[in-house]
């Protein structure tokens, strides 16, 4: 059984729509993870003593938040790649060996976080827009 740690995770994005995937692994030190869920609807009726649910036939991926050290290097730093709120980007997570999750995502939030006595950090939230392809 293969096991993997945080250092085995690879995170790649395209710096512009349709661009080549580029690693941001060197900048990210925290990531919320990729959560995929089945969308359900409550289905219990009057008089039921337990809540019931039915699967709607839809799945979705929840918002992903990444944090890391701010870098404004012109084309490869996280500021250049992630400071594009409202734009769509391709993402690829590689979970250790060869297992990947690929998806399109809208950048929903981006902020710079300065703090006295610390390095400036960034935080970015992305919302997957459709199917997550797992290979």
Foldseek 3Di string as FASTA:
>chain_A
DDDDDPLLKWKWKAQAVPHDTDTQSVWWDDKPDKDKAFDWDWDDDPPDPDTDIDGPPDMFIAKMKTKGFADPPPRHTCCSRQVPAQHKMWMWMAGHDRKIKIFIWGWHDKDWADDPPDGIMMMTMIGTDGDIDID
